[in-house]
Protein backbone atom coordinates (compact mmCIF):
# COMPACT_ATOMS: atom_id res chain seq x y z
CA MET A 1 -85.46 23.34 -23.75
CA VAL A 2 -82.38 25.35 -24.72
CA TYR A 3 -79.31 25.10 -22.51
CA SER A 4 -76.26 27.31 -22.35
CA THR A 5 -73.05 27.28 -20.40
CA ARG A 6 -70.92 29.91 -18.75
CA ILE A 7 -67.84 27.72 -19.02
CA VAL A 8 -66.14 28.83 -22.22
CA PRO A 9 -62.60 28.31 -23.58
CA THR A 10 -61.71 32.01 -23.94
CA ILE A 11 -62.90 35.42 -22.82
CA THR A 12 -64.74 37.39 -25.48
CA PRO A 13 -62.83 40.41 -26.81
CA GLY A 14 -63.51 43.33 -24.52
CA GLY A 15 -64.67 41.00 -21.75
CA ILE A 16 -63.86 41.89 -18.17
CA ILE A 17 -62.09 39.52 -15.80
CA THR A 18 -62.76 40.28 -12.16
CA ASP A 19 -60.75 37.48 -10.55
CA PRO A 20 -57.31 36.45 -11.85
CA ARG A 21 -56.57 32.78 -12.45
CA ALA A 22 -53.97 32.68 -9.67
CA THR A 23 -56.52 33.66 -7.00
CA THR A 24 -59.37 31.41 -8.15
CA MET A 25 -59.67 28.42 -5.86
CA TYR A 26 -63.10 26.84 -6.29
CA VAL A 27 -65.47 26.89 -9.25
CA VAL A 28 -68.94 25.52 -8.52
CA THR A 29 -71.76 24.70 -10.92
CA GLU A 30 -74.89 22.61 -10.63
CA TYR A 31 -72.80 19.74 -12.06
CA GLY A 32 -70.04 19.77 -9.47
CA MET A 33 -67.23 21.62 -7.76
CA PHE A 34 -63.61 21.95 -8.87
CA ASN A 35 -60.66 23.09 -6.77
CA CYS A 36 -58.34 24.64 -9.36
CA LYS A 37 -55.71 26.01 -6.96
CA GLY A 38 -52.23 24.99 -8.13
CA MET A 39 -53.48 23.08 -11.20
CA SER A 40 -51.76 23.22 -14.58
CA THR A 41 -53.55 24.62 -17.62
CA TRP A 42 -54.68 21.22 -18.92
CA GLN A 43 -55.75 20.13 -15.42
CA ARG A 44 -57.86 23.28 -15.15
CA ALA A 45 -59.36 22.61 -18.57
CA GLU A 46 -60.23 19.03 -17.63
CA GLY A 47 -61.70 20.05 -14.27
CA LEU A 48 -63.81 22.83 -15.72
CA ILE A 49 -65.04 20.64 -18.57
CA ASN A 50 -66.09 18.02 -16.01
CA ILE A 51 -68.38 20.51 -14.26
CA ALA A 52 -69.80 22.08 -17.43
CA HIS A 53 -73.27 21.13 -18.67
CA PRO A 54 -72.99 17.63 -20.22
CA ASP A 55 -74.33 18.86 -23.59
CA PHE A 56 -71.30 21.16 -23.97
CA ARG A 57 -68.46 18.94 -22.78
CA GLU A 58 -67.51 17.39 -26.15
CA ASP A 59 -67.40 20.82 -27.79
CA LEU A 60 -65.24 22.17 -24.95
CA ILE A 61 -62.87 19.21 -25.38
CA LYS A 62 -62.59 19.91 -29.14
CA GLN A 63 -61.87 23.57 -28.44
CA ALA A 64 -59.23 22.65 -25.83
CA GLU A 65 -57.63 20.28 -28.36
CA SER A 66 -57.50 23.04 -30.98
CA MET A 67 -55.85 25.34 -28.42
CA LYS A 68 -53.26 22.59 -27.66
CA ILE A 69 -54.18 22.39 -23.97
CA TRP A 70 -55.88 18.98 -24.05
CA LYS A 71 -53.51 16.05 -23.68
CA LYS A 72 -54.17 12.84 -25.57
CA SER A 73 -53.84 10.98 -22.28
CA ASN A 74 -56.92 12.78 -20.92
CA LYS A 75 -60.07 10.69 -20.80
CA ARG A 76 -63.11 11.66 -22.83
């Protein structure tokens, strides 16, 4: 079975954003729910990674590290 995820580190060029970050409160997937209201960038990254499909979490962490938004103190 092939899995994919909608949780990605960046928007594709030309992509459309319908809800700004400041107004997004809850993000829900089949792997959990995250309240991102008032969270910092790295807290948002950690919360979203935690509710992404488990097969994609390590790759999302690596991408967050390369973008300098993943703190070394964050758990893996």
